[in-house]
Amino acid sequence: MRLSLLILRQSRAKKEVTFSSVLVLVRLPEHSGLGEIITMFRHLRNLQQVSRRTLSSTARRQLENKVPVKQKMFQEDNGMPVHLKGGTTDALLYRATMALTVFGCGYVLYALIDAALPKKKA
C-alpha cells in the first residue's frame, strides 16, 4: 500500500467562512487504478462544496425580530414573577424543577439515614 498526501486549499469568498487548508491523508491500495483515484477526487470535491455550503454565514431567509415583543412582555408590571411570564411552558418547567428538587432532597435524606444506621446482620 502506498500513501498519498492531498492538500486542499480554499480561498475566502466575500461573505463565506471556509477552511483555509485541509489536510487529508488517504491510503491507496497498490492495485488501485486511475478510475478509482478520479472517483476519490470527485468525492473530495463534493465534500469541499458541501463544507462551503454548510459554513456559509449568509442567511437563506430573514427571520422576524421578536426581541421588542419579548421585551414588552417581560417588562410589563402585572404582578407575576419574571420566571413565569413566559406562559404555560415556563409554569410546567418550574413545577417539574420543583418536583425534581423535592424528590432529590428526599432521596439525599434517605441515603444519609441509611448510611448512618447500622445494618442488621442476617
PDB file of N, CA and C in Angstrom:
ATOM      1  N   MET A   1       0.839  -1.173   0.000  1.00  0.00           N
ATOM      2  CA  MET A   1       0.000   0.000   0.000  1.00  0.00           C
ATOM      3  C   MET A   1       0.886   1.240   0.000  1.00  0.00           C
ATOM      4  N   ARG A   2       0.474   2.249  -0.709  1.00  0.00           N
ATOM      5  CA  ARG A   2       1.243   3.488  -0.713  1.00  0.00           C
ATOM      6  C   ARG A   2       0.390   4.604  -0.120  1.00  0.00           C
ATOM      7  N   LEU A   3       1.017   5.616   0.383  1.00  0.00           N
ATOM      8  CA  LEU A   3       0.317   6.747   0.988  1.00  0.00           C
ATOM      9  C   LEU A   3       0.330   7.912   0.027  1.00  0.00           C
ATOM     10  N   SER A   4      -0.793   8.554  -0.093  1.00  0.00           N
ATOM     11  CA  SER A   4      -0.874   9.766  -0.900  1.00  0.00           C
ATOM     12  C   SER A   4      -1.276  10.905   0.025  1.00  0.00           C
ATOM     13  N   LEU A   5      -0.652  12.034  -0.114  1.00  0.00           N
ATOM     14  CA  LEU A   5      -0.943  13.197   0.706  1.00  0.00           C
ATOM     15  C   LEU A   5      -1.615  14.236  -0.185  1.00  0.00           C
ATOM     16  N   LEU A   6      -2.822  14.584   0.169  1.00  0.00           N
ATOM     17  CA  LEU A   6      -3.582  15.545  -0.621  1.00  0.00           C
ATOM     18  C   LEU A   6      -3.799  16.792   0.214  1.00  0.00           C
ATOM     19  N   ILE A   7      -3.505  17.948  -0.313  1.00  0.00           N
ATOM     20  CA  ILE A   7      -3.725  19.204   0.390  1.00  0.00           C
ATOM     21  C   ILE A   7      -4.730  20.002  -0.423  1.00  0.00           C
ATOM     22  N   LEU A   8      -5.866  20.306   0.202  1.00  0.00           N
ATOM     23  CA  LEU A   8      -6.907  21.084  -0.453  1.00  0.00           C
ATOM     24  C   LEU A   8      -6.882  22.493   0.115  1.00  0.00           C
ATOM     25  N   ARG A   9      -6.877  23.463  -0.722  1.00  0.00           N
ATOM     26  CA  ARG A   9      -6.898  24.842  -0.265  1.00  0.00           C
ATOM     27  C   ARG A   9      -8.115  25.533  -0.863  1.00  0.00           C
ATOM     28  N   GLN A  10      -8.765  26.321  -0.012  1.00  0.00           N
ATOM     29  CA  GLN A  10      -9.919  27.075  -0.470  1.00  0.00           C
ATOM     30  C   GLN A  10      -9.679  28.542  -0.155  1.00  0.00           C
ATOM     31  N   SER A  11     -10.093  29.386  -1.056  1.00  0.00           N
ATOM     32  CA  SER A  11      -9.953  30.809  -0.796  1.00  0.00           C
ATOM     33  C   SER A  11     -11.198  31.315  -0.087  1.00  0.00           C
ATOM     34  N   ARG A  12     -11.045  32.445   0.586  1.00  0.00           N
ATOM     35  CA  ARG A  12     -12.184  33.029   1.287  1.00  0.00           C
ATOM     36  C   ARG A  12     -13.003  33.872   0.321  1.00  0.00           C
ATOM     37  N   ALA A  13     -14.286  33.623   0.291  1.00  0.00           N
ATOM     38  CA  ALA A  13     -15.169  34.437  -0.545  1.00  0.00           C
ATOM     39  C   ALA A  13     -15.599  35.659   0.277  1.00  0.00           C
ATOM     40  N   LYS A  14     -16.428  36.485  -0.310  1.00  0.00           N
ATOM     41  CA  LYS A  14     -16.773  37.751   0.334  1.00  0.00           C
ATOM     42  C   LYS A  14     -17.465  37.535   1.682  1.00  0.00           C
ATOM     43  N   LYS A  15     -18.577  36.812   1.714  1.00  0.00           N
ATOM     44  CA  LYS A  15     -19.309  36.591   2.960  1.00  0.00           C
ATOM     45  C   LYS A  15     -19.386  35.104   3.255  1.00  0.00           C
ATOM     46  N   GLU A  16     -18.305  34.431   3.157  1.00  0.00           N
ATOM     47  CA  GLU A  16     -18.320  32.986   3.332  1.00  0.00           C
ATOM     48  C   GLU A  16     -17.139  32.567   4.185  1.00  0.00           C
ATOM     49  N   VAL A  17     -17.406  31.738   5.154  1.00  0.00           N
ATOM     50  CA  VAL A  17     -16.339  31.224   6.007  1.00  0.00           C
ATOM     51  C   VAL A  17     -16.016  29.824   5.525  1.00  0.00           C
ATOM     52  N   THR A  18     -14.787  29.599   5.134  1.00  0.00           N
ATOM     53  CA  THR A  18     -14.385  28.289   4.642  1.00  0.00           C
ATOM     54  C   THR A  18     -13.092  27.878   5.318  1.00  0.00           C
ATOM     55  N   PHE A  19     -12.709  26.649   5.121  1.00  0.00           N
ATOM     56  CA  PHE A  19     -11.445  26.177   5.653  1.00  0.00           C
ATOM     57  C   PHE A  19     -10.316  26.834   4.887  1.00  0.00           C
ATOM     58  N   SER A  20      -9.280  27.264   5.583  1.00  0.00           N
ATOM     59  CA  SER A  20      -8.136  27.839   4.880  1.00  0.00           C
ATOM     60  C   SER A  20      -7.280  26.737   4.282  1.00  0.00           C
ATOM     61  N   SER A  21      -7.140  25.638   5.012  1.00  0.00           N
ATOM     62  CA  SER A  21      -6.442  24.495   4.442  1.00  0.00           C
ATOM     63  C   SER A  21      -6.912  23.242   5.163  1.00  0.00           C
ATOM     64  N   VAL A  22      -7.041  22.179   4.408  1.00  0.00           N
ATOM     65  CA  VAL A  22      -7.482  20.903   4.954  1.00  0.00           C
ATOM     66  C   VAL A  22      -6.446  19.876   4.571  1.00  0.00           C
ATOM     67  N   LEU A  23      -6.016  19.092   5.523  1.00  0.00           N
ATOM     68  CA  LEU A  23      -5.010  18.078   5.278  1.00  0.00           C
ATOM     69  C   LEU A  23      -5.695  16.726   5.341  1.00  0.00           C
ATOM     70  N   VAL A  24      -5.660  15.975   4.239  1.00  0.00           N
ATOM     71  CA  VAL A  24      -6.321  14.681   4.161  1.00  0.00           C
ATOM     72  C   VAL A  24      -5.267  13.645   3.830  1.00  0.00           C
ATOM     73  N   LEU A  25      -5.190  12.586   4.619  1.00  0.00           N
ATOM     74  CA  LEU A  25      -4.250  11.508   4.386  1.00  0.00           C
ATOM     75  C   LEU A  25      -5.042  10.314   3.891  1.00  0.00           C
ATOM     76  N   VAL A  26      -4.753   9.870   2.677  1.00  0.00           N
ATOM     77  CA  VAL A  26      -5.511   8.801   2.045  1.00  0.00           C
ATOM     78  C   VAL A  26      -4.587   7.630   1.797  1.00  0.00           C
ATOM     79  N   ARG A  27      -5.040   6.430   2.136  1.00  0.00           N
ATOM     80  CA  ARG A  27      -4.262   5.224   1.902  1.00  0.00           C
ATOM     81  C   ARG A  27      -4.853   4.533   0.671  1.00  0.00           C
ATOM     82  N   LEU A  28      -4.056   4.422  -0.370  1.00  0.00           N
ATOM     83  CA  LEU A  28      -4.493   3.809  -1.618  1.00  0.00           C
ATOM     84  C   LEU A  28      -3.863   2.424  -1.754  1.00  0.00           C
ATOM     85  N   PRO A  29      -4.633   1.418  -2.196  1.00  0.00           N
ATOM     86  CA  PRO A  29      -4.028   0.109  -2.433  1.00  0.00           C
ATOM     87  C   PRO A  29      -3.109   0.155  -3.651  1.00  0.00           C
ATOM     88  N   GLU A  30      -2.190  -0.780  -3.718  1.00  0.00           N
ATOM     89  CA  GLU A  30      -1.222  -0.825  -4.814  1.00  0.00           C
ATOM     90  C   GLU A  30      -1.893  -1.027  -6.172  1.00  0.00           C
ATOM     91  N   HIS A  31      -2.986  -1.775  -6.191  1.00  0.00           N
ATOM     92  CA  HIS A  31      -3.631  -2.100  -7.461  1.00  0.00           C
ATOM     93  C   HIS A  31      -4.715  -1.101  -7.849  1.00  0.00           C
ATOM     94  N   SER A  32      -4.792   0.035  -7.151  1.00  0.00           N
ATOM     95  CA  SER A  32      -5.843   0.994  -7.484  1.00  0.00           C
ATOM     96  C   SER A  32      -5.540   1.636  -8.835  1.00  0.00           C
ATOM     97  N   GLY A  33      -6.568   1.743  -9.631  1.00  0.00           N
ATOM     98  CA  GLY A  33      -6.396   2.294 -10.962  1.00  0.00           C
ATOM     99  C   GLY A  33      -6.678   3.774 -11.002  1.00  0.00           C
ATOM    100  N   LEU A  34      -6.521   4.334 -12.183  1.00  0.00           N
ATOM    101  CA  LEU A  34      -6.739   5.755 -12.376  1.00  0.00           C
ATOM    102  C   LEU A  34      -8.198   6.124 -12.148  1.00  0.00           C
ATOM    103  N   GLY A  35      -9.115   5.225 -12.509  1.00  0.00           N
ATOM    104  CA  GLY A  35     -10.546   5.493 -12.330  1.00  0.00           C
ATOM    105  C   GLY A  35     -10.919   5.646 -10.865  1.00  0.00           C
ATOM    106  N   GLU A  36     -10.330   4.807 -10.005  1.00  0.00           N
ATOM    107  CA  GLU A  36     -10.617   4.900  -8.571  1.00  0.00           C
ATOM    108  C   GLU A  36     -10.072   6.193  -7.982  1.00  0.00           C
ATOM    109  N   ILE A  37      -8.908   6.624  -8.459  1.00  0.00           N
ATOM    110  CA  ILE A  37      -8.318   7.870  -7.967  1.00  0.00           C
ATOM    111  C   ILE A  37      -9.179   9.055  -8.393  1.00  0.00           C
ATOM    112  N   ILE A  38      -9.672   9.040  -9.619  1.00  0.00           N
ATOM    113  CA  ILE A  38     -10.544  10.121 -10.098  1.00  0.00           C
ATOM    114  C   ILE A  38     -11.828  10.151  -9.292  1.00  0.00           C
ATOM    115  N   THR A  39     -12.386   8.968  -8.990  1.00  0.00           N
ATOM    116  CA  THR A  39     -13.602   8.904  -8.174  1.00  0.00           C
ATOM    117  C   THR A  39     -13.342   9.483  -6.790  1.00  0.00           C
ATOM    118  N   MET A  40     -12.175   9.173  -6.214  1.00  0.00           N
ATOM    119  CA  MET A  40     -11.830   9.700  -4.905  1.00  0.00           C
ATOM    120  C   MET A  40     -11.742  11.229  -4.949  1.00  0.00           C
ATOM    121  N   PHE A  41     -11.126  11.776  -5.995  1.00  0.00           N
ATOM    122  CA  PHE A  41     -11.037  13.225  -6.110  1.00  0.00           C
ATOM    123  C   PHE A  41     -12.413  13.857  -6.298  1.00  0.00           C
ATOM    124  N   ARG A  42     -13.330  13.185  -6.993  1.00  0.00           N
ATOM    125  CA  ARG A  42     -14.701  13.697  -7.128  1.00  0.00           C
ATOM    126  C   ARG A  42     -15.374  13.767  -5.763  1.00  0.00           C
ATOM    127  N   HIS A  43     -15.194  12.704  -4.962  1.00  0.00           N
ATOM    128  CA  HIS A  43     -15.779  12.704  -3.618  1.00  0.00           C
ATOM    129  C   HIS A  43     -15.205  13.835  -2.772  1.00  0.00           C
ATOM    130  N   LEU A  44     -13.920  14.063  -2.884  1.00  0.00           N
ATOM    131  CA  LEU A  44     -13.298  15.152  -2.127  1.00  0.00           C
ATOM    132  C   LEU A  44     -13.805  16.508  -2.585  1.00  0.00           C
ATOM    133  N   ARG A  45     -14.016  16.666  -3.892  1.00  0.00           N
ATOM    134  CA  ARG A  45     -14.554  17.925  -4.413  1.00  0.00           C
ATOM    135  C   ARG A  45     -15.976  18.147  -3.923  1.00  0.00           C
ATOM    136  N   ASN A  46     -16.779  17.070  -3.894  1.00  0.00           N
ATOM    137  CA  ASN A  46     -18.138  17.191  -3.366  1.00  0.00           C
ATOM    138  C   ASN A  46     -18.120  17.559  -1.894  1.00  0.00           C
ATOM    139  N   LEU A  47     -17.212  16.961  -1.123  1.00  0.00           N
ATOM    140  CA  LEU A  47     -17.073  17.296   0.281  1.00  0.00           C
ATOM    141  C   LEU A  47     -16.696  18.760   0.456  1.00  0.00           C
ATOM    142  N   GLN A  48     -15.844  19.236  -0.420  1.00  0.00           N
ATOM    143  CA  GLN A  48     -15.416  20.632  -0.384  1.00  0.00           C
ATOM    144  C   GLN A  48     -16.620  21.557  -0.616  1.00  0.00           C
ATOM    145  N   GLN A  49     -17.470  21.217  -1.579  1.00  0.00           N
ATOM    146  CA  GLN A  49     -18.636  22.039  -1.873  1.00  0.00           C
ATOM    147  C   GLN A  49     -19.640  22.002  -0.726  1.00  0.00           C
ATOM    148  N   VAL A  50     -19.834  20.832  -0.136  1.00  0.00           N
ATOM    149  CA  VAL A  50     -20.770  20.719   0.979  1.00  0.00           C
ATOM    150  C   VAL A  50     -20.277  21.529   2.166  1.00  0.00           C
ATOM    151  N   SER A  51     -18.983  21.451   2.465  1.00  0.00           N
ATOM    152  CA  SER A  51     -18.449  22.212   3.593  1.00  0.00           C
ATOM    153  C   SER A  51     -18.558  23.712   3.333  1.00  0.00           C
ATOM    154  N   ARG A  52     -18.403  24.121   2.104  1.00  0.00           N
ATOM    155  CA  ARG A  52     -18.537  25.534   1.784  1.00  0.00           C
ATOM    156  C   ARG A  52     -19.978  25.986   1.982  1.00  0.00           C
ATOM    157  N   ARG A  53     -20.946  25.137   1.629  1.00  0.00           N
ATOM    158  CA  ARG A  53     -22.346  25.498   1.799  1.00  0.00           C
ATOM    159  C   ARG A  53     -22.741  25.534   3.270  1.00  0.00           C
ATOM    160  N   THR A  54     -22.290  24.549   4.055  1.00  0.00           N
ATOM    161  CA  THR A  54     -22.729  24.477   5.435  1.00  0.00           C
ATOM    162  C   THR A  54     -22.081  25.534   6.305  1.00  0.00           C
ATOM    163  N   LEU A  55     -20.904  26.037   5.937  1.00  0.00           N
ATOM    164  CA  LEU A  55     -20.241  27.043   6.743  1.00  0.00           C
ATOM    165  C   LEU A  55     -20.500  28.464   6.260  1.00  0.00           C
ATOM    166  N   SER A  56     -21.400  28.607   5.333  1.00  0.00           N
ATOM    167  CA  SER A  56     -21.693  29.927   4.818  1.00  0.00           C
ATOM    168  C   SER A  56     -22.361  30.771   5.893  1.00  0.00           C
ATOM    169  N   SER A  57     -21.975  32.032   5.997  1.00  0.00           N
ATOM    170  CA  SER A  57     -22.532  32.899   7.025  1.00  0.00           C
ATOM    171  C   SER A  57     -23.712  33.718   6.522  1.00  0.00           C
ATOM    172  N   THR A  58     -24.082  33.569   5.267  1.00  0.00           N
ATOM    173  CA  THR A  58     -25.218  34.315   4.757  1.00  0.00           C
ATOM    174  C   THR A  58     -26.508  33.596   5.111  1.00  0.00           C
ATOM    175  N   ALA A  59     -27.512  34.343   5.484  1.00  0.00           N
ATOM    176  CA  ALA A  59     -28.795  33.755   5.870  1.00  0.00           C
ATOM    177  C   ALA A  59     -29.613  33.455   4.627  1.00  0.00           C
ATOM    178  N   ARG A  60     -30.259  32.307   4.619  1.00  0.00           N
ATOM    179  CA  ARG A  60     -31.077  31.948   3.468  1.00  0.00           C
ATOM    180  C   ARG A  60     -32.410  32.671   3.483  1.00  0.00           C
ATOM    181  N   ARG A  61     -32.941  32.873   4.686  1.00  0.00           N
ATOM    182  CA  ARG A  61     -34.195  33.615   4.792  1.00  0.00           C
ATOM    183  C   ARG A  61     -34.118  34.501   6.015  1.00  0.00           C
ATOM    184  N   GLN A  62     -34.737  35.627   5.938  1.00  0.00           N
ATOM    185  CA  GLN A  62     -34.709  36.567   7.052  1.00  0.00           C
ATOM    186  C   GLN A  62     -35.780  36.189   8.062  1.00  0.00           C
ATOM    187  N   LEU A  63     -35.430  36.224   9.335  1.00  0.00           N
ATOM    188  CA  LEU A  63     -36.376  35.925  10.396  1.00  0.00           C
ATOM    189  C   LEU A  63     -36.907  37.216  10.994  1.00  0.00           C
ATOM    190  N   GLU A  64     -38.125  37.139  11.504  1.00  0.00           N
ATOM    191  CA  GLU A  64     -38.738  38.299  12.128  1.00  0.00           C
ATOM    192  C   GLU A  64     -38.071  38.563  13.468  1.00  0.00           C
ATOM    193  N   ASN A  65     -37.799  39.818  13.770  1.00  0.00           N
ATOM    194  CA  ASN A  65     -37.184  40.193  15.034  1.00  0.00           C
ATOM    195  C   ASN A  65     -38.248  40.195  16.121  1.00  0.00           C
ATOM    196  N   LYS A  66     -38.159  39.240  17.054  1.00  0.00           N
ATOM    197  CA  LYS A  66     -39.166  39.108  18.114  1.00  0.00           C
ATOM    198  C   LYS A  66     -38.704  39.724  19.427  1.00  0.00           C
ATOM    199  N   VAL A  67     -37.532  40.328  19.449  1.00  0.00           N
ATOM    200  CA  VAL A  67     -36.983  40.868  20.691  1.00  0.00           C
ATOM    201  C   VAL A  67     -37.860  41.983  21.275  1.00  0.00           C
ATOM    202  N   PRO A  68     -38.328  42.970  20.488  1.00  0.00           N
ATOM    203  CA  PRO A  68     -39.159  44.022  21.094  1.00  0.00           C
ATOM    204  C   PRO A  68     -40.446  43.483  21.722  1.00  0.00           C
ATOM    205  N   VAL A  69     -41.043  42.468  21.106  1.00  0.00           N
ATOM    206  CA  VAL A  69     -42.279  41.880  21.648  1.00  0.00           C
ATOM    207  C   VAL A  69     -41.981  41.195  22.978  1.00  0.00           C
ATOM    208  N   LYS A  70     -40.873  40.435  23.025  1.00  0.00           N
ATOM    209  CA  LYS A  70     -40.489  39.747  24.258  1.00  0.00           C
ATOM    210  C   LYS A  70     -40.119  40.750  25.345  1.00  0.00           C
ATOM    211  N   GLN A  71     -39.421  41.840  24.979  1.00  0.00           N
ATOM    212  CA  GLN A  71     -39.074  42.860  25.963  1.00  0.00           C
ATOM    213  C   GLN A  71     -40.325  43.472  26.575  1.00  0.00           C
ATOM    214  N   LYS A  72     -41.300  43.784  25.740  1.00  0.00           N
ATOM    215  CA  LYS A  72     -42.542  44.380  26.238  1.00  0.00           C
ATOM    216  C   LYS A  72     -43.265  43.413  27.166  1.00  0.00           C
ATOM    217  N   MET A  73     -43.283  42.115  26.794  1.00  0.00           N
ATOM    218  CA  MET A  73     -43.977  41.118  27.602  1.00  0.00           C
ATOM    219  C   MET A  73     -43.301  40.947  28.964  1.00  0.00           C
ATOM    220  N   PHE A  74     -41.979  40.912  28.992  1.00  0.00           N
ATOM    221  CA  PHE A  74     -41.282  40.660  30.247  1.00  0.00           C
ATOM    222  C   PHE A  74     -41.153  41.908  31.116  1.00  0.00           C
ATOM    223  N   GLN A  75     -41.288  43.107  30.538  1.00  0.00           N
ATOM    224  CA  GLN A  75     -41.133  44.328  31.325  1.00  0.00           C
ATOM    225  C   GLN A  75     -42.444  44.887  31.852  1.00  0.00           C
ATOM    226  N   GLU A  76     -43.583  44.364  31.407  1.00  0.00           N
ATOM    227  CA  GLU A  76     -44.847  44.897  31.907  1.00  0.00           C
ATOM    228  C   GLU A  76     -45.047  44.467  33.360  1.00  0.00           C
ATOM    229  N   ASP A  77     -45.653  45.365  34.140  1.00  0.00           N
ATOM    230  CA  ASP A  77     -45.832  45.129  35.569  1.00  0.00           C
ATOM    231  C   ASP A  77     -47.221  44.535  35.803  1.00  0.00           C
ATOM    232  N   ASN A  78     -47.287  43.206  35.849  1.00  0.00           N
ATOM    233  CA  ASN A  78     -48.573  42.547  36.075  1.00  0.00           C
ATOM    234  C   ASN A  78     -48.566  41.683  37.335  1.00  0.00           C
ATOM    235  N   GLY A  79     -47.552  41.833  38.181  1.00  0.00           N
ATOM    236  CA  GLY A  79     -47.502  41.122  39.451  1.00  0.00           C
ATOM    237  C   GLY A  79     -46.981  39.694  39.369  1.00  0.00           C
ATOM    238  N   MET A  80     -46.680  39.216  38.174  1.00  0.00           N
ATOM    239  CA  MET A  80     -46.153  37.853  38.032  1.00  0.00           C
ATOM    240  C   MET A  80     -44.637  37.878  38.173  1.00  0.00           C
ATOM    241  N   PRO A  81     -44.059  36.823  38.757  1.00  0.00           N
ATOM    242  CA  PRO A  81     -42.592  36.750  38.781  1.00  0.00           C
ATOM    243  C   PRO A  81     -42.056  36.541  37.366  1.00  0.00           C
ATOM    244  N   VAL A  82     -40.844  37.009  37.127  1.00  0.00           N
ATOM    245  CA  VAL A  82     -40.298  37.002  35.773  1.00  0.00           C
ATOM    246  C   VAL A  82     -40.105  35.582  35.247  1.00  0.00           C
ATOM    247  N   HIS A  83     -39.872  34.610  36.136  1.00  0.00           N
ATOM    248  CA  HIS A  83     -39.646  33.250  35.665  1.00  0.00           C
ATOM    249  C   HIS A  83     -40.937  32.555  35.244  1.00  0.00           C
ATOM    250  N   LEU A  84     -42.087  33.197  35.428  1.00  0.00           N
ATOM    251  CA  LEU A  84     -43.355  32.615  34.987  1.00  0.00           C
ATOM    252  C   LEU A  84     -44.034  33.427  33.890  1.00  0.00           C
ATOM    253  N   LYS A  85     -43.426  34.506  33.445  1.00  0.00           N
ATOM    254  CA  LYS A  85     -44.046  35.364  32.440  1.00  0.00           C
ATOM    255  C   LYS A  85     -44.046  34.760  31.041  1.00  0.00           C
ATOM    256  N   GLY A  86     -43.302  33.679  30.830  1.00  0.00           N
ATOM    257  CA  GLY A  86     -43.224  33.063  29.504  1.00  0.00           C
ATOM    258  C   GLY A  86     -44.451  32.261  29.122  1.00  0.00           C
ATOM    259  N   GLY A  87     -45.332  31.994  30.067  1.00  0.00           N
ATOM    260  CA  GLY A  87     -46.555  31.269  29.748  1.00  0.00           C
ATOM    261  C   GLY A  87     -46.577  29.878  30.341  1.00  0.00           C
ATOM    262  N   THR A  88     -47.300  28.990  29.663  1.00  0.00           N
ATOM    263  CA  THR A  88     -47.530  27.634  30.158  1.00  0.00           C
ATOM    264  C   THR A  88     -46.244  26.825  30.237  1.00  0.00           C
ATOM    265  N   THR A  89     -45.373  26.964  29.257  1.00  0.00           N
ATOM    266  CA  THR A  89     -44.137  26.180  29.274  1.00  0.00           C
ATOM    267  C   THR A  89     -43.260  26.565  30.464  1.00  0.00           C
ATOM    268  N   ASP A  90     -43.213  27.853  30.801  1.00  0.00           N
ATOM    269  CA  ASP A  90     -42.442  28.268  31.967  1.00  0.00           C
ATOM    270  C   ASP A  90     -43.034  27.689  33.242  1.00  0.00           C
ATOM    271  N   ALA A  91     -44.358  27.670  33.352  1.00  0.00           N
ATOM    272  CA  ALA A  91     -45.004  27.111  34.540  1.00  0.00           C
ATOM    273  C   ALA A  91     -44.728  25.619  34.657  1.00  0.00           C
ATOM    274  N   LEU A  92     -44.797  24.900  33.534  1.00  0.00           N
ATOM    275  CA  LEU A  92     -44.518  23.464  33.565  1.00  0.00           C
ATOM    276  C   LEU A  92     -43.060  23.185  33.926  1.00  0.00           C
ATOM    277  N   LEU A  93     -42.142  23.938  33.354  1.00  0.00           N
ATOM    278  CA  LEU A  93     -40.730  23.760  33.683  1.00  0.00           C
ATOM    279  C   LEU A  93     -40.459  24.076  35.150  1.00  0.00           C
ATOM    280  N   TYR A  94     -41.110  25.106  35.682  1.00  0.00           N
ATOM    281  CA  TYR A  94     -40.942  25.472  37.087  1.00  0.00           C
ATOM    282  C   TYR A  94     -41.438  24.351  37.994  1.00  0.00           C
ATOM    283  N   ARG A  95     -42.622  23.816  37.694  1.00  0.00           N
ATOM    284  CA  ARG A  95     -43.171  22.737  38.525  1.00  0.00           C
ATOM    285  C   ARG A  95     -42.338  21.463  38.434  1.00  0.00           C
ATOM    286  N   ALA A  96     -41.846  21.146  37.236  1.00  0.00           N
ATOM    287  CA  ALA A  96     -41.007  19.954  37.087  1.00  0.00           C
ATOM    288  C   ALA A  96     -39.698  20.126  37.857  1.00  0.00           C
ATOM    289  N   THR A  97     -39.133  21.323  37.815  1.00  0.00           N
ATOM    290  CA  THR A  97     -37.901  21.591  38.553  1.00  0.00           C
ATOM    291  C   THR A  97     -38.127  21.477  40.051  1.00  0.00           C
ATOM    292  N   MET A  98     -39.242  22.016  40.535  1.00  0.00           N
ATOM    293  CA  MET A  98     -39.539  21.925  41.966  1.00  0.00           C
ATOM    294  C   MET A  98     -39.780  20.479  42.384  1.00  0.00           C
ATOM    295  N   ALA A  99     -40.477  19.701  41.558  1.00  0.00           N
ATOM    296  CA  ALA A  99     -40.730  18.294  41.888  1.00  0.00           C
ATOM    297  C   ALA A  99     -39.420  17.505  41.948  1.00  0.00           C
ATOM    298  N   LEU A 100     -38.525  17.725  40.976  1.00  0.00           N
ATOM    299  CA  LEU A 100     -37.231  17.046  40.989  1.00  0.00           C
ATOM    300  C   LEU A 100     -36.382  17.470  42.190  1.00  0.00           C
ATOM    301  N   THR A 101     -36.475  18.731  42.567  1.00  0.00           N
ATOM    302  CA  THR A 101     -35.729  19.216  43.729  1.00  0.00           C
ATOM    303  C   THR A 101     -36.220  18.555  45.010  1.00  0.00           C
ATOM    304  N   VAL A 102     -37.545  18.483  45.194  1.00  0.00           N
ATOM    305  CA  VAL A 102     -38.105  17.846  46.394  1.00  0.00           C
ATOM    306  C   VAL A 102     -37.749  16.363  46.404  1.00  0.00           C
ATOM    307  N   PHE A 103     -37.866  15.696  45.271  1.00  0.00           N
ATOM    308  CA  PHE A 103     -37.505  14.275  45.190  1.00  0.00           C
ATOM    309  C   PHE A 103     -36.023  14.079  45.511  1.00  0.00           C
ATOM    310  N   GLY A 104     -35.163  14.929  44.975  1.00  0.00           N
ATOM    311  CA  GLY A 104     -33.728  14.825  45.225  1.00  0.00           C
ATOM    312  C   GLY A 104     -33.385  15.042  46.689  1.00  0.00           C
ATOM    313  N   CYS A 105     -34.011  16.028  47.323  1.00  0.00           N
ATOM    314  CA  CYS A 105     -33.770  16.266  48.751  1.00  0.00           C
ATOM    315  C   CYS A 105     -34.226  15.073  49.583  1.00  0.00           C
ATOM    316  N   GLY A 106     -35.381  14.530  49.258  1.00  0.00           N
ATOM    317  CA  GLY A 106     -35.875  13.346  49.969  1.00  0.00           C
ATOM    318  C   GLY A 106     -34.937  12.161  49.808  1.00  0.00           C
ATOM    319  N   TYR A 107     -34.437  11.951  48.617  1.00  0.00           N
ATOM    320  CA  TYR A 107     -33.526  10.827  48.381  1.00  0.00           C
ATOM    321  C   TYR A 107     -32.209  11.016  49.121  1.00  0.00           C
ATOM    322  N   VAL A 108     -31.703  12.244  49.170  1.00  0.00           N
ATOM    323  CA  VAL A 108     -30.467  12.514  49.903  1.00  0.00           C
ATOM    324  C   VAL A 108     -30.668  12.227  51.387  1.00  0.00           C
ATOM    325  N   LEU A 109     -31.807  12.655  51.955  1.00  0.00           N
ATOM    326  CA  LEU A 109     -32.091  12.362  53.366  1.00  0.00           C
ATOM    327  C   LEU A 109     -32.177  10.860  53.604  1.00  0.00           C
ATOM    328  N   TYR A 110     -32.842  10.142  52.701  1.00  0.00           N
ATOM    329  CA  TYR A 110     -32.941   8.692  52.823  1.00  0.00           C
ATOM    330  C   TYR A 110     -31.553   8.040  52.780  1.00  0.00           C
ATOM    331  N   ALA A 111     -30.706   8.482  51.862  1.00  0.00           N
ATOM    332  CA  ALA A 111     -29.366   7.911  51.743  1.00  0.00           C
ATOM    333  C   ALA A 111     -28.527   8.212  52.980  1.00  0.00           C
ATOM    334  N   LEU A 112     -28.658   9.416  53.556  1.00  0.00           N
ATOM    335  CA  LEU A 112     -27.915   9.760  54.766  1.00  0.00           C
ATOM    336  C   LEU A 112     -28.376   8.925  55.958  1.00  0.00           C
ATOM    337  N   ILE A 113     -29.683   8.768  56.112  1.00  0.00           N
ATOM    338  CA  ILE A 113     -30.211   7.957  57.216  1.00  0.00           C
ATOM    339  C   ILE A 113     -29.810   6.502  57.029  1.00  0.00           C
ATOM    340  N   ASP A 114     -29.873   6.007  55.806  1.00  0.00           N
ATOM    341  CA  ASP A 114     -29.483   4.620  55.528  1.00  0.00           C
ATOM    342  C   ASP A 114     -28.004   4.391  55.828  1.00  0.00           C
ATOM    343  N   ALA A 115     -27.168   5.375  55.537  1.00  0.00           N
ATOM    344  CA  ALA A 115     -25.735   5.240  55.812  1.00  0.00           C
ATOM    345  C   ALA A 115     -25.417   5.370  57.296  1.00  0.00           C
ATOM    346  N   ALA A 116     -26.238   6.140  58.028  1.00  0.00           N
ATOM    347  CA  ALA A 116     -25.957   6.399  59.440  1.00  0.00           C
ATOM    348  C   ALA A 116     -26.400   5.252  60.339  1.00  0.00           C
ATOM    349  N   LEU A 117     -27.458   4.562  59.974  1.00  0.00           N
ATOM    350  CA  LEU A 117     -27.973   3.481  60.825  1.00  0.00           C
ATOM    351  C   LEU A 117     -27.187   2.202  60.572  1.00  0.00           C
ATOM    352  N   PRO A 118     -26.945   1.434  61.642  1.00  0.00           N
ATOM    353  CA  PRO A 118     -26.205   0.168  61.462  1.00  0.00           C
ATOM    354  C   PRO A 118     -27.046  -0.862  60.713  1.00  0.00           C
ATOM    355  N   LYS A 119     -26.381  -1.676  59.947  1.00  0.00           N
ATOM    356  CA  LYS A 119     -27.063  -2.712  59.169  1.00  0.00           C
ATOM    357  C   LYS A 119     -27.347  -3.914  60.064  1.00  0.00           C
ATOM    358  N   LYS A 120     -28.452  -4.558  59.853  1.00  0.00           N
ATOM    359  CA  LYS A 120     -28.793  -5.786  60.576  1.00  0.00           C
ATOM    360  C   LYS A 120     -28.051  -6.949  59.944  1.00  0.00           C
ATOM    361  N   LYS A 121     -27.469  -7.792  60.793  1.00  0.00           N
ATOM    362  CA  LYS A 121     -26.772  -8.960  60.280  1.00  0.00           C
ATOM    363  C   LYS A 121     -27.776 -10.090  60.112  1.00  0.00           C
ATOM    364  N   ALA A 122     -27.737 -10.725  58.985  1.00  0.00           N
ATOM    365  CA  ALA A 122     -28.694 -11.785  58.702  1.00  0.00           C
ATOM    366  C   ALA A 122     -28.235 -13.131  59.179  1.00  0.00           C
TER     367      ALA A 122
END
